C-alpha cells in the first residue's frame, strides 16, 4: 500500500467525525446564512473543527457522542485547551 492509499483509508472514528463536522457546517450555513468551513487537523495546534468565515473569532468544536450531555464537562475542558 502506498502512502497515498493509506491517506484515503480513514479510521471509522475519523469518518464519523468528518461526517458530523460536514453536517454541522451545512446546518450552521442554512440556519445562520453565514459561511462556515471545516478546519484542517494540525495536531497539538488544533484550534477547533469549524470556523465562521464572516466571523473568524467563532470557532466550533464538534463532538458526535451518545453521551455528550453526561460528558459535557470533559468536552469543555478539551475545548479550552
Protein backbone atom coordinates (compact mmCIF):
# COMPACT_ATOMS: atom_id res chain seq x y z
CA UNK A 1 0.00 0.00 0.00
CA UNK A 2 1.34 3.42 -0.94
CA UNK A 3 1.23 6.46 1.35
CA UNK A 4 -1.48 7.91 -0.88
CA UNK A 5 -3.64 4.81 -0.48
CA UNK A 6 -3.12 4.90 3.27
CA UNK A 7 -4.33 8.50 3.37
CA UNK A 8 -7.50 7.52 1.55
CA UNK A 9 -8.38 4.96 4.20
CA UNK A 10 -9.75 6.79 7.23
CA UNK A 11 -10.45 5.14 10.53
CA UNK A 12 -14.12 4.71 11.44
CA UNK A 13 -13.84 7.39 14.12
CA UNK A 14 -12.30 9.86 11.66
CA UNK A 15 -15.02 9.08 9.10
CA UNK A 16 -17.67 9.60 11.79
CA UNK A 17 -16.06 12.89 12.87
CA UNK A 18 -15.72 14.15 9.31
CA UNK A 19 -19.34 13.31 8.51
CA UNK A 20 -20.56 15.04 11.69
CA UNK A 21 -18.46 18.16 11.06
CA UNK A 22 -19.76 18.34 7.48
CA UNK A 23 -23.33 18.01 8.73
CA UNK A 24 -22.71 20.76 11.30
CA UNK A 25 -21.30 23.07 8.60
CA UNK A 26 -24.37 22.52 6.43
CA UNK A 27 -26.73 23.12 9.35
CA UNK A 28 -24.97 26.28 10.53
CA UNK A 29 -24.87 27.69 6.99
CA UNK A 30 -28.57 27.05 6.43
CA UNK A 31 -29.58 28.31 9.88
CA UNK A 32 -27.40 31.44 10.09
CA UNK A 33 -26.85 32.31 6.41
CA UNK A 34 -23.13 32.73 7.22
CA UNK A 35 -20.39 30.72 5.52
CA UNK A 36 -18.58 28.09 7.60
CA UNK A 37 -15.63 25.86 6.81
CA UNK A 38 -14.07 22.77 8.32
CA UNK A 39 -10.58 23.37 9.66
CA UNK A 40 -7.66 21.06 8.85
CA UNK A 41 -6.19 18.84 11.54
CA UNK A 42 -2.98 20.39 12.85
CA UNK A 43 -2.12 18.14 15.79
CA UNK A 44 -1.37 19.94 19.04
CA UNK A 45 -2.01 23.32 17.38
CA UNK A 46 -5.61 22.38 16.63
CA UNK A 47 -8.00 25.27 17.42
CA UNK A 48 -11.30 23.57 16.60
CA UNK A 49 -13.28 21.89 13.86
CA UNK A 50 -15.35 24.62 12.19
CA UNK A 51 -14.80 28.34 11.68
CA UNK A 52 -17.26 31.00 10.57
CA UNK A 53 -15.61 32.76 7.62
CA UNK A 54 -17.52 36.00 8.18
CA UNK A 55 -16.78 35.98 11.93
CA UNK A 56 -13.38 34.22 12.25
CA UNK A 57 -13.31 34.60 16.04
CA UNK A 58 -16.10 32.00 16.21
CA UNK A 59 -14.64 28.50 16.16
CA UNK A 60 -16.63 25.37 16.96
CA UNK A 61 -15.50 22.04 18.36
CA UNK A 62 -17.81 19.27 17.12
CA UNK A 63 -18.48 16.15 19.18
CA UNK A 64 -20.66 13.29 17.97
CA UNK A 65 -21.13 11.27 21.13
CA UNK A 66 -24.08 9.35 22.51
CA UNK A 67 -23.09 10.54 25.98
CA UNK A 68 -22.47 14.18 25.04
CA UNK A 69 -24.62 15.62 27.83
CA UNK A 70 -23.13 13.43 30.53
CA UNK A 71 -19.57 14.16 29.35
CA UNK A 72 -20.08 17.89 28.80
CA UNK A 73 -17.51 18.91 31.44
CA UNK A 74 -14.85 16.76 29.74
CA UNK A 75 -15.78 18.22 26.34
CA UNK A 76 -15.50 21.76 27.73
CA UNK A 77 -12.03 21.01 29.18
CA UNK A 78 -10.88 19.72 25.79
CA UNK A 79 -12.28 22.83 24.10
CA UNK A 80 -10.48 25.19 26.49
CA UNK A 81 -7.06 23.61 25.86
